[in-house]
Amino acid sequence: MRITRVYTKSGDAGQTSLVDGSRVSKADVRVAAYGDVDELNSWLGLSRVGLVDTQLDEALGKIQNELFIVGADLASPLSIQVPRIDEDHVTELEHLIDLLLEELEPLKEFILPGGSEFGSVLHLARTVARRAERAVVTLAAHEEINQQALIYLNRMSDLLFVMARVANKRQGVSDQSANFSARK
């Protein structure tokens, strides 16, 4: 498929087309869900700017492509034939989490999001992944969805947390513990 125009004017009245050709409000729960996934993908793109960590860059590039599959999955009722996220995608995320965790000390307390610029952007992307997950839960309350897409987003936020910690460690930045003590 070749995209020859960016604007179509078909959304000027606040509606958009789904993969099956049906028209829905741009405020529809399905549109909100895949919109949050699109935002997550954009944050991951930003996180890769100037990235010299080849392992994390390659992983994030693969994930960005998979997020297009998640978006297509969420934009399509289950009766429509489109690429779908499956258990293998989730398993790959889990393997990457396990691999990266080998570099880290176990957490004994909550940590503050932040650290290096790369780590901080990954922490921000993690919060967007959580929002996308909540939007998919809302969608699932209204319509049947591919449950693997929901599971994938749940693992994605876990992975981004671990990646942020690894990125910080590789850049010599320590985790900063959250301080719950009351102010005096």
N, C-alpha and C. Protein backbone atom coordinates (compact mmCIF):
# COMPACT_ATOMS: atom_id res chain seq x y z
N MET A 1 0.85 -1.17 0.00
CA MET A 1 0.00 0.00 0.00
C MET A 1 0.90 1.24 0.00
N ARG A 2 0.52 2.21 -0.80
CA ARG A 2 1.29 3.45 -0.87
C ARG A 2 0.41 4.59 -0.38
N ILE A 3 0.94 5.38 0.53
CA ILE A 3 0.21 6.53 1.07
C ILE A 3 0.60 7.74 0.22
N THR A 4 -0.37 8.27 -0.50
CA THR A 4 -0.07 9.40 -1.39
C THR A 4 -0.53 10.73 -0.82
N ARG A 5 -1.41 10.69 0.19
CA ARG A 5 -1.88 11.92 0.83
C ARG A 5 -1.90 11.72 2.33
N VAL A 6 -1.58 12.78 3.05
CA VAL A 6 -1.64 12.71 4.50
C VAL A 6 -3.03 13.08 4.99
N TYR A 7 -3.66 14.04 4.35
CA TYR A 7 -4.99 14.45 4.79
C TYR A 7 -6.04 13.93 3.82
N THR A 8 -7.18 13.51 4.42
CA THR A 8 -8.29 12.98 3.61
C THR A 8 -9.56 13.80 3.82
N LYS A 9 -9.60 14.60 4.87
CA LYS A 9 -10.76 15.39 5.27
C LYS A 9 -11.91 14.53 5.77
N SER A 10 -11.76 13.20 5.77
CA SER A 10 -12.84 12.32 6.21
C SER A 10 -13.02 12.34 7.73
N GLY A 11 -12.05 12.87 8.46
CA GLY A 11 -12.16 12.93 9.92
C GLY A 11 -12.54 14.29 10.44
N ASP A 12 -12.88 15.20 9.55
CA ASP A 12 -13.16 16.58 9.96
C ASP A 12 -14.39 16.71 10.86
N ALA A 13 -15.28 15.73 10.84
CA ALA A 13 -16.48 15.78 11.68
C ALA A 13 -16.30 14.98 12.96
N GLY A 14 -15.05 14.57 13.27
CA GLY A 14 -14.79 13.88 14.52
C GLY A 14 -14.96 12.37 14.46
N GLN A 15 -14.95 11.83 13.26
CA GLN A 15 -15.05 10.39 13.10
C GLN A 15 -13.84 9.88 12.33
N THR A 16 -13.56 8.58 12.51
CA THR A 16 -12.46 7.94 11.79
C THR A 16 -12.90 6.56 11.34
N SER A 17 -12.16 5.99 10.43
CA SER A 17 -12.49 4.65 9.91
C SER A 17 -11.64 3.60 10.60
N LEU A 18 -12.27 2.49 10.93
CA LEU A 18 -11.55 1.32 11.44
C LEU A 18 -11.12 0.47 10.26
N VAL A 19 -10.36 -0.58 10.53
CA VAL A 19 -9.82 -1.43 9.47
C VAL A 19 -10.94 -2.05 8.64
N ASP A 20 -12.08 -2.36 9.26
CA ASP A 20 -13.18 -2.98 8.51
C ASP A 20 -14.02 -1.97 7.73
N GLY A 21 -13.62 -0.69 7.77
CA GLY A 21 -14.33 0.35 7.02
C GLY A 21 -15.43 1.03 7.82
N SER A 22 -15.76 0.52 9.00
CA SER A 22 -16.80 1.16 9.80
C SER A 22 -16.28 2.49 10.35
N ARG A 23 -17.20 3.43 10.57
CA ARG A 23 -16.87 4.76 11.07
C ARG A 23 -17.24 4.83 12.55
N VAL A 24 -16.33 5.38 13.34
CA VAL A 24 -16.57 5.55 14.76
C VAL A 24 -16.07 6.92 15.18
N SER A 25 -16.53 7.37 16.33
CA SER A 25 -16.07 8.64 16.89
C SER A 25 -14.59 8.54 17.22
N LYS A 26 -13.89 9.64 17.07
CA LYS A 26 -12.48 9.67 17.46
C LYS A 26 -12.33 9.56 18.98
N ALA A 27 -13.44 9.68 19.71
CA ALA A 27 -13.44 9.49 21.16
C ALA A 27 -13.81 8.06 21.55
N ASP A 28 -14.01 7.18 20.59
CA ASP A 28 -14.36 5.79 20.82
C ASP A 28 -13.27 5.09 21.64
N VAL A 29 -13.66 4.15 22.50
CA VAL A 29 -12.69 3.46 23.34
C VAL A 29 -11.65 2.69 22.52
N ARG A 30 -12.04 2.20 21.36
CA ARG A 30 -11.09 1.48 20.50
C ARG A 30 -10.03 2.46 19.97
N VAL A 31 -10.46 3.63 19.56
CA VAL A 31 -9.53 4.64 19.03
C VAL A 31 -8.60 5.12 20.15
N ALA A 32 -9.15 5.29 21.35
CA ALA A 32 -8.32 5.71 22.49
C ALA A 32 -7.25 4.66 22.78
N ALA A 33 -7.61 3.39 22.70
CA ALA A 33 -6.65 2.31 23.00
C ALA A 33 -5.51 2.30 21.99
N TYR A 34 -5.83 2.29 20.69
CA TYR A 34 -4.71 2.24 19.74
C TYR A 34 -4.01 3.59 19.64
N GLY A 35 -4.67 4.67 20.03
CA GLY A 35 -4.00 5.97 20.09
C GLY A 35 -2.93 6.01 21.17
N ASP A 36 -3.22 5.41 22.32
CA ASP A 36 -2.23 5.35 23.39
C ASP A 36 -1.05 4.47 22.99
N VAL A 37 -1.31 3.41 22.24
CA VAL A 37 -0.23 2.56 21.74
C VAL A 37 0.64 3.35 20.75
N ASP A 38 0.01 4.16 19.93
CA ASP A 38 0.76 5.01 19.00
C ASP A 38 1.64 6.00 19.76
N GLU A 39 1.10 6.60 20.84
CA GLU A 39 1.91 7.51 21.65
C GLU A 39 3.10 6.77 22.27
N LEU A 40 2.87 5.58 22.78
CA LEU A 40 3.96 4.77 23.34
C LEU A 40 5.04 4.55 22.29
N ASN A 41 4.64 4.22 21.09
CA ASN A 41 5.59 3.98 20.01
C ASN A 41 6.41 5.24 19.74
N SER A 42 5.78 6.39 19.78
CA SER A 42 6.50 7.65 19.56
C SER A 42 7.51 7.93 20.67
N TRP A 43 7.14 7.64 21.91
CA TRP A 43 8.09 7.83 23.02
C TRP A 43 9.29 6.89 22.86
N LEU A 44 9.04 5.68 22.40
CA LEU A 44 10.15 4.76 22.17
C LEU A 44 11.05 5.27 21.05
N GLY A 45 10.45 5.86 20.02
CA GLY A 45 11.25 6.47 18.96
C GLY A 45 12.13 7.58 19.51
N LEU A 46 11.56 8.41 20.37
CA LEU A 46 12.35 9.48 20.99
C LEU A 46 13.47 8.91 21.85
N SER A 47 13.19 7.84 22.56
CA SER A 47 14.20 7.25 23.43
C SER A 47 15.42 6.77 22.65
N ARG A 48 15.23 6.44 21.39
CA ARG A 48 16.31 5.88 20.57
C ARG A 48 17.19 6.95 19.94
N VAL A 49 16.82 8.21 20.04
CA VAL A 49 17.60 9.29 19.42
C VAL A 49 18.99 9.33 20.06
N GLY A 50 19.99 9.15 19.26
CA GLY A 50 21.37 9.22 19.73
C GLY A 50 21.79 8.03 20.59
N LEU A 51 20.98 6.99 20.63
CA LEU A 51 21.27 5.84 21.47
C LEU A 51 22.47 5.06 20.93
N VAL A 52 23.44 4.82 21.79
CA VAL A 52 24.64 4.08 21.38
C VAL A 52 24.63 2.65 21.94
N ASP A 53 23.66 2.31 22.77
CA ASP A 53 23.56 0.96 23.32
C ASP A 53 22.88 0.08 22.27
N THR A 54 23.68 -0.68 21.54
CA THR A 54 23.17 -1.47 20.41
C THR A 54 22.12 -2.48 20.84
N GLN A 55 22.33 -3.16 21.95
CA GLN A 55 21.39 -4.18 22.40
C GLN A 55 20.01 -3.57 22.66
N LEU A 56 19.98 -2.47 23.40
CA LEU A 56 18.70 -1.84 23.73
C LEU A 56 18.07 -1.20 22.49
N ASP A 57 18.90 -0.60 21.63
CA ASP A 57 18.38 0.02 20.41
C ASP A 57 17.72 -1.01 19.51
N GLU A 58 18.37 -2.15 19.31
CA GLU A 58 17.78 -3.20 18.47
C GLU A 58 16.49 -3.73 19.07
N ALA A 59 16.48 -3.92 20.38
CA ALA A 59 15.27 -4.41 21.05
C ALA A 59 14.13 -3.41 20.89
N LEU A 60 14.43 -2.13 21.08
CA LEU A 60 13.39 -1.10 20.96
C LEU A 60 12.89 -0.99 19.53
N GLY A 61 13.77 -1.13 18.55
CA GLY A 61 13.33 -1.10 17.15
C GLY A 61 12.37 -2.23 16.84
N LYS A 62 12.67 -3.42 17.33
CA LYS A 62 11.78 -4.57 17.13
C LYS A 62 10.44 -4.32 17.81
N ILE A 63 10.49 -3.78 19.03
CA ILE A 63 9.27 -3.49 19.77
C ILE A 63 8.43 -2.45 19.04
N GLN A 64 9.08 -1.43 18.48
CA GLN A 64 8.31 -0.42 17.75
C GLN A 64 7.53 -1.05 16.60
N ASN A 65 8.13 -1.97 15.89
CA ASN A 65 7.42 -2.67 14.82
C ASN A 65 6.27 -3.51 15.38
N GLU A 66 6.51 -4.17 16.51
CA GLU A 66 5.45 -4.97 17.12
C GLU A 66 4.30 -4.09 17.62
N LEU A 67 4.60 -2.87 18.04
CA LEU A 67 3.53 -1.98 18.47
C LEU A 67 2.61 -1.59 17.31
N PHE A 68 3.13 -1.61 16.08
CA PHE A 68 2.25 -1.41 14.92
C PHE A 68 1.28 -2.59 14.81
N ILE A 69 1.76 -3.79 15.13
CA ILE A 69 0.88 -4.95 15.12
C ILE A 69 -0.18 -4.80 16.22
N VAL A 70 0.23 -4.35 17.41
CA VAL A 70 -0.72 -4.12 18.50
C VAL A 70 -1.78 -3.11 18.04
N GLY A 71 -1.34 -2.03 17.41
CA GLY A 71 -2.28 -1.01 16.94
C GLY A 71 -3.27 -1.58 15.94
N ALA A 72 -2.79 -2.34 14.97
CA ALA A 72 -3.68 -2.95 13.98
C ALA A 72 -4.63 -3.93 14.65
N ASP A 73 -4.10 -4.68 15.61
CA ASP A 73 -4.91 -5.63 16.37
C ASP A 73 -6.05 -4.91 17.07
N LEU A 74 -5.74 -3.82 17.76
CA LEU A 74 -6.76 -3.09 18.51
C LEU A 74 -7.72 -2.33 17.60
N ALA A 75 -7.26 -1.94 16.42
CA ALA A 75 -8.11 -1.20 15.48
C ALA A 75 -9.06 -2.11 14.71
N SER A 76 -8.96 -3.41 14.96
CA SER A 76 -9.72 -4.37 14.16
C SER A 76 -10.54 -5.30 15.03
N PRO A 77 -11.85 -5.35 14.79
CA PRO A 77 -12.64 -6.37 15.48
C PRO A 77 -12.03 -7.75 15.19
N LEU A 78 -12.24 -8.70 16.08
CA LEU A 78 -11.64 -10.02 15.92
C LEU A 78 -12.07 -10.74 14.66
N SER A 79 -13.19 -10.34 14.09
CA SER A 79 -13.67 -10.99 12.87
C SER A 79 -12.86 -10.59 11.63
N ILE A 80 -12.03 -9.57 11.75
CA ILE A 80 -11.24 -9.07 10.63
C ILE A 80 -9.87 -9.75 10.64
N GLN A 81 -9.40 -10.14 9.47
CA GLN A 81 -8.09 -10.78 9.35
C GLN A 81 -6.99 -9.73 9.26
N VAL A 82 -6.22 -9.58 10.34
CA VAL A 82 -5.06 -8.68 10.38
C VAL A 82 -3.97 -9.39 11.18
N PRO A 83 -2.74 -8.92 11.09
CA PRO A 83 -1.72 -9.48 11.98
C PRO A 83 -2.14 -9.25 13.43
N ARG A 84 -1.87 -10.23 14.27
CA ARG A 84 -2.26 -10.15 15.68
C ARG A 84 -1.05 -10.45 16.56
N ILE A 85 -1.04 -9.85 17.72
CA ILE A 85 -0.06 -10.19 18.74
C ILE A 85 -0.42 -11.57 19.27
N ASP A 86 0.61 -12.40 19.47
CA ASP A 86 0.34 -13.74 19.98
C ASP A 86 1.25 -14.06 21.16
N GLU A 87 1.09 -15.25 21.67
CA GLU A 87 1.84 -15.68 22.85
C GLU A 87 3.35 -15.63 22.62
N ASP A 88 3.80 -15.88 21.40
CA ASP A 88 5.24 -15.82 21.11
C ASP A 88 5.80 -14.42 21.31
N HIS A 89 5.03 -13.40 20.94
CA HIS A 89 5.46 -12.01 21.16
C HIS A 89 5.65 -11.75 22.66
N VAL A 90 4.71 -12.22 23.45
CA VAL A 90 4.77 -12.03 24.90
C VAL A 90 5.97 -12.77 25.47
N THR A 91 6.17 -14.00 25.02
CA THR A 91 7.30 -14.81 25.50
C THR A 91 8.63 -14.15 25.19
N GLU A 92 8.75 -13.54 24.03
CA GLU A 92 9.99 -12.84 23.67
C GLU A 92 10.26 -11.68 24.63
N LEU A 93 9.21 -10.94 25.00
CA LEU A 93 9.38 -9.86 25.98
C LEU A 93 9.84 -10.42 27.32
N GLU A 94 9.24 -11.53 27.73
CA GLU A 94 9.61 -12.13 29.00
C GLU A 94 11.07 -12.58 29.00
N HIS A 95 11.52 -13.15 27.89
CA HIS A 95 12.92 -13.58 27.79
C HIS A 95 13.87 -12.38 27.88
N LEU A 96 13.49 -11.29 27.23
CA LEU A 96 14.33 -10.09 27.29
C LEU A 96 14.35 -9.51 28.71
N ILE A 97 13.22 -9.50 29.37
CA ILE A 97 13.18 -9.04 30.76
C ILE A 97 14.13 -9.88 31.61
N ASP A 98 14.03 -11.20 31.48
CA ASP A 98 14.87 -12.10 32.27
C ASP A 98 16.35 -11.88 31.97
N LEU A 99 16.69 -11.70 30.71
CA LEU A 99 18.08 -11.46 30.32
C LEU A 99 18.60 -10.17 30.94
N LEU A 100 17.84 -9.10 30.85
CA LEU A 100 18.27 -7.81 31.38
C LEU A 100 18.33 -7.81 32.91
N LEU A 101 17.42 -8.53 33.54
CA LEU A 101 17.41 -8.59 35.01
C LEU A 101 18.69 -9.19 35.57
N GLU A 102 19.36 -10.02 34.78
CA GLU A 102 20.61 -10.62 35.24
C GLU A 102 21.67 -9.56 35.55
N GLU A 103 21.56 -8.38 34.96
CA GLU A 103 22.51 -7.29 35.18
C GLU A 103 22.22 -6.49 36.45
N LEU A 104 21.03 -6.66 37.00
CA LEU A 104 20.57 -5.76 38.06
C LEU A 104 20.52 -6.45 39.42
N GLU A 105 20.75 -5.66 40.45
CA GLU A 105 20.51 -6.11 41.81
C GLU A 105 18.99 -6.10 42.05
N PRO A 106 18.50 -7.06 42.81
CA PRO A 106 17.06 -7.03 43.12
C PRO A 106 16.70 -5.76 43.88
N LEU A 107 15.51 -5.26 43.61
CA LEU A 107 15.04 -4.07 44.31
C LEU A 107 14.61 -4.43 45.73
N LYS A 108 14.93 -3.55 46.66
CA LYS A 108 14.51 -3.72 48.04
C LYS A 108 13.47 -2.68 48.42
N GLU A 109 13.29 -1.68 47.54
CA GLU A 109 12.35 -0.59 47.80
C GLU A 109 11.95 0.04 46.47
N PHE A 110 10.96 0.90 46.53
CA PHE A 110 10.54 1.62 45.34
C PHE A 110 11.63 2.60 44.92
N ILE A 111 11.74 2.82 43.61
CA ILE A 111 12.71 3.80 43.12
C ILE A 111 11.98 4.91 42.38
N LEU A 112 12.65 6.06 42.32
CA LEU A 112 12.09 7.19 41.59
C LEU A 112 12.39 7.03 40.11
N PRO A 113 11.42 7.35 39.25
CA PRO A 113 11.71 7.36 37.82
C PRO A 113 12.70 8.48 37.53
N GLY A 114 13.65 8.21 36.69
CA GLY A 114 14.64 9.24 36.36
C GLY A 114 15.97 8.61 36.07
N GLY A 115 17.01 9.37 36.38
CA GLY A 115 18.37 8.90 36.11
C GLY A 115 18.94 9.58 34.90
N SER A 116 19.46 8.77 33.99
CA SER A 116 20.01 9.32 32.75
C SER A 116 18.86 9.80 31.86
N GLU A 117 19.20 10.55 30.82
CA GLU A 117 18.16 11.01 29.91
C GLU A 117 17.45 9.82 29.26
N PHE A 118 18.21 8.84 28.80
CA PHE A 118 17.64 7.65 28.18
C PHE A 118 16.76 6.89 29.18
N GLY A 119 17.27 6.68 30.39
CA GLY A 119 16.50 5.99 31.41
C GLY A 119 15.22 6.73 31.76
N SER A 120 15.30 8.05 31.83
CA SER A 120 14.13 8.85 32.16
C SER A 120 13.05 8.76 31.08
N VAL A 121 13.46 8.77 29.83
CA VAL A 121 12.48 8.65 28.74
C VAL A 121 11.85 7.26 28.75
N LEU A 122 12.63 6.24 29.08
CA LEU A 122 12.06 4.89 29.18
C LEU A 122 11.07 4.81 30.34
N HIS A 123 11.36 5.47 31.45
CA HIS A 123 10.39 5.50 32.56
C HIS A 123 9.10 6.20 32.12
N LEU A 124 9.22 7.27 31.37
CA LEU A 124 8.04 7.95 30.86
C LEU A 124 7.26 7.04 29.90
N ALA A 125 7.98 6.36 29.02
CA ALA A 125 7.33 5.42 28.10
C ALA A 125 6.61 4.33 28.88
N ARG A 126 7.18 3.90 30.00
CA ARG A 126 6.54 2.88 30.85
C ARG A 126 5.18 3.36 31.33
N THR A 127 5.09 4.64 31.71
CA THR A 127 3.79 5.14 32.20
C THR A 127 2.78 5.22 31.06
N VAL A 128 3.24 5.52 29.85
CA VAL A 128 2.35 5.53 28.69
C VAL A 128 1.89 4.10 28.38
N ALA A 129 2.79 3.12 28.54
CA ALA A 129 2.40 1.72 28.34
C ALA A 129 1.32 1.32 29.33
N ARG A 130 1.44 1.79 30.57
CA ARG A 130 0.42 1.49 31.58
C ARG A 130 -0.92 2.14 31.20
N ARG A 131 -0.86 3.38 30.69
CA ARG A 131 -2.10 4.03 30.26
C ARG A 131 -2.72 3.28 29.09
N ALA A 132 -1.89 2.85 28.15
CA ALA A 132 -2.40 2.08 27.00
C ALA A 132 -3.05 0.79 27.51
N GLU A 133 -2.42 0.16 28.47
CA GLU A 133 -2.99 -1.06 29.04
C GLU A 133 -4.36 -0.77 29.66
N ARG A 134 -4.48 0.32 30.40
CA ARG A 134 -5.78 0.67 30.99
C ARG A 134 -6.82 0.93 29.91
N ALA A 135 -6.41 1.58 28.82
CA ALA A 135 -7.34 1.85 27.72
C ALA A 135 -7.80 0.54 27.08
N VAL A 136 -6.92 -0.43 26.98
CA VAL A 136 -7.28 -1.73 26.40
C VAL A 136 -8.22 -2.48 27.35
N VAL A 137 -8.00 -2.35 28.65
CA VAL A 137 -8.92 -2.96 29.62
C VAL A 137 -10.32 -2.35 29.44
N THR A 138 -10.38 -1.04 29.26
CA THR A 138 -11.67 -0.37 29.02
C THR A 138 -12.30 -0.89 27.73
N LEU A 139 -11.51 -1.00 26.68
CA LEU A 139 -12.02 -1.54 25.40
C LEU A 139 -12.56 -2.95 25.61
N ALA A 140 -11.81 -3.78 26.34
CA ALA A 140 -12.22 -5.17 26.56
C ALA A 140 -13.53 -5.27 27.35
N ALA A 141 -13.86 -4.24 28.12
CA ALA A 141 -15.13 -4.22 28.84
C ALA A 141 -16.31 -3.97 27.89
N HIS A 142 -16.01 -3.42 26.70
CA HIS A 142 -17.05 -3.09 25.73
C HIS A 142 -17.11 -4.07 24.56
N GLU A 143 -15.95 -4.60 24.18
CA GLU A 143 -15.88 -5.47 23.01
C GLU A 143 -14.88 -6.58 23.24
N GLU A 144 -15.06 -7.68 22.54
CA GLU A 144 -14.11 -8.77 22.63
C GLU A 144 -12.81 -8.37 21.92
N ILE A 145 -11.69 -8.62 22.58
CA ILE A 145 -10.38 -8.28 22.01
C ILE A 145 -9.46 -9.49 22.06
N ASN A 146 -8.35 -9.38 21.39
CA ASN A 146 -7.29 -10.37 21.49
C ASN A 146 -6.61 -10.16 22.84
N GLN A 147 -6.77 -11.08 23.75
CA GLN A 147 -6.22 -10.93 25.10
C GLN A 147 -4.69 -10.85 25.10
N GLN A 148 -4.06 -11.41 24.08
CA GLN A 148 -2.59 -11.35 24.01
C GLN A 148 -2.11 -9.90 23.85
N ALA A 149 -2.90 -9.05 23.23
CA ALA A 149 -2.52 -7.64 23.10
C ALA A 149 -2.47 -6.98 24.47
N LEU A 150 -3.42 -7.31 25.33
CA LEU A 150 -3.44 -6.78 26.69
C LEU A 150 -2.25 -7.31 27.49
N ILE A 151 -2.00 -8.59 27.39
CA ILE A 151 -0.86 -9.19 28.10
C ILE A 151 0.45 -8.59 27.60
N TYR A 152 0.56 -8.38 26.30
CA TYR A 152 1.77 -7.80 25.71
C TYR A 152 2.05 -6.42 26.32
N LEU A 153 1.01 -5.59 26.43
CA LEU A 153 1.20 -4.25 26.99
C LEU A 153 1.58 -4.32 28.47
N ASN A 154 1.04 -5.30 29.19
CA ASN A 154 1.42 -5.47 30.58
C ASN A 154 2.90 -5.82 30.69
N ARG A 155 3.37 -6.74 29.87
CA ARG A 155 4.80 -7.10 29.86
C ARG A 155 5.65 -5.94 29.37
N MET A 156 5.11 -5.16 28.44
CA MET A 156 5.86 -4.03 27.90
C MET A 156 6.22 -3.04 29.00
N SER A 157 5.28 -2.74 29.87
CA SER A 157 5.59 -1.79 30.94
C SER A 157 6.62 -2.38 31.89
N ASP A 158 6.55 -3.68 32.15
CA ASP A 158 7.58 -4.33 32.97
C ASP A 158 8.94 -4.24 32.30
N LEU A 159 8.98 -4.51 31.01
CA LEU A 159 10.23 -4.45 30.26
C LEU A 159 10.81 -3.04 30.28
N LEU A 160 9.98 -2.05 30.08
CA LEU A 160 10.49 -0.67 30.05
C LEU A 160 11.04 -0.25 31.41
N PHE A 161 10.45 -0.73 32.49
CA PHE A 161 10.99 -0.46 33.82
C PHE A 161 12.39 -1.07 33.95
N VAL A 162 12.51 -2.32 33.55
CA VAL A 162 13.81 -3.00 33.63
C VAL A 162 14.81 -2.33 32.69
N MET A 163 14.39 -1.99 31.48
CA MET A 163 15.28 -1.32 30.53
C MET A 163 15.77 0.02 31.08
N ALA A 164 14.89 0.76 31.73
CA ALA A 164 15.29 2.05 32.30
C ALA A 164 16.36 1.84 33.36
N ARG A 165 16.18 0.85 34.20
CA ARG A 165 17.19 0.56 35.23
C ARG A 165 18.51 0.13 34.61
N VAL A 166 18.44 -0.73 33.59
CA VAL A 166 19.66 -1.20 32.91
C VAL A 166 20.35 -0.03 32.22
N ALA A 167 19.57 0.80 31.55
CA ALA A 167 20.15 1.97 30.86
C ALA A 167 20.88 2.86 31.86
N ASN A 168 20.26 3.10 32.98
CA ASN A 168 20.90 3.93 34.01
C ASN A 168 22.17 3.27 34.53
N LYS A 169 22.10 1.98 34.80
CA LYS A 169 23.28 1.28 35.31
C LYS A 169 24.42 1.34 34.30
N ARG A 170 24.11 1.09 33.03
CA ARG A 170 25.14 1.10 31.99
C ARG A 170 25.75 2.49 31.81
N GLN A 171 25.01 3.52 32.21
CA GLN A 171 25.52 4.89 32.11
C GLN A 171 26.07 5.38 33.45
N GLY A 172 26.19 4.48 34.42
CA GLY A 172 26.79 4.83 35.70
C GLY A 172 25.90 5.61 36.63
N VAL A 173 24.58 5.52 36.44
CA VAL A 173 23.63 6.25 37.28
C VAL A 173 22.91 5.24 38.17
N SER A 174 22.97 5.46 39.47
CA SER A 174 22.34 4.54 40.43
C SER A 174 20.84 4.82 40.55
N ASP A 175 20.11 3.76 40.89
CA ASP A 175 18.69 3.94 41.22
C ASP A 175 18.59 4.85 42.44
N GLN A 176 17.58 5.70 42.44
CA GLN A 176 17.34 6.57 43.59
C GLN A 176 16.09 6.08 44.31
N SER A 177 16.25 5.72 45.56
CA SER A 177 15.13 5.20 46.34
C SER A 177 14.10 6.29 46.61
N ALA A 178 12.83 5.88 46.57
CA ALA A 178 11.76 6.79 46.95
C ALA A 178 11.80 7.00 48.46
N ASN A 179 11.56 8.21 48.88
CA ASN A 179 11.60 8.55 50.30
C ASN A 179 10.16 8.79 50.75
N PHE A 180 9.67 7.92 51.61
CA PHE A 180 8.30 8.01 52.09
C PHE A 180 8.19 8.70 53.44
N SER A 181 9.31 9.18 53.96
CA SER A 181 9.26 9.80 55.28
C SER A 181 8.51 11.14 55.21
N ALA A 182 7.81 11.42 56.28
CA ALA A 182 7.02 12.66 56.33
C ALA A 182 7.95 13.86 56.49
N ARG A 183 7.54 14.95 55.88
CA ARG A 183 8.30 16.21 56.04
C ARG A 183 8.12 16.74 57.45
N LYS A 184 9.17 17.34 57.98
CA LYS A 184 9.06 17.92 59.33
C LYS A 184 8.90 19.40 59.24
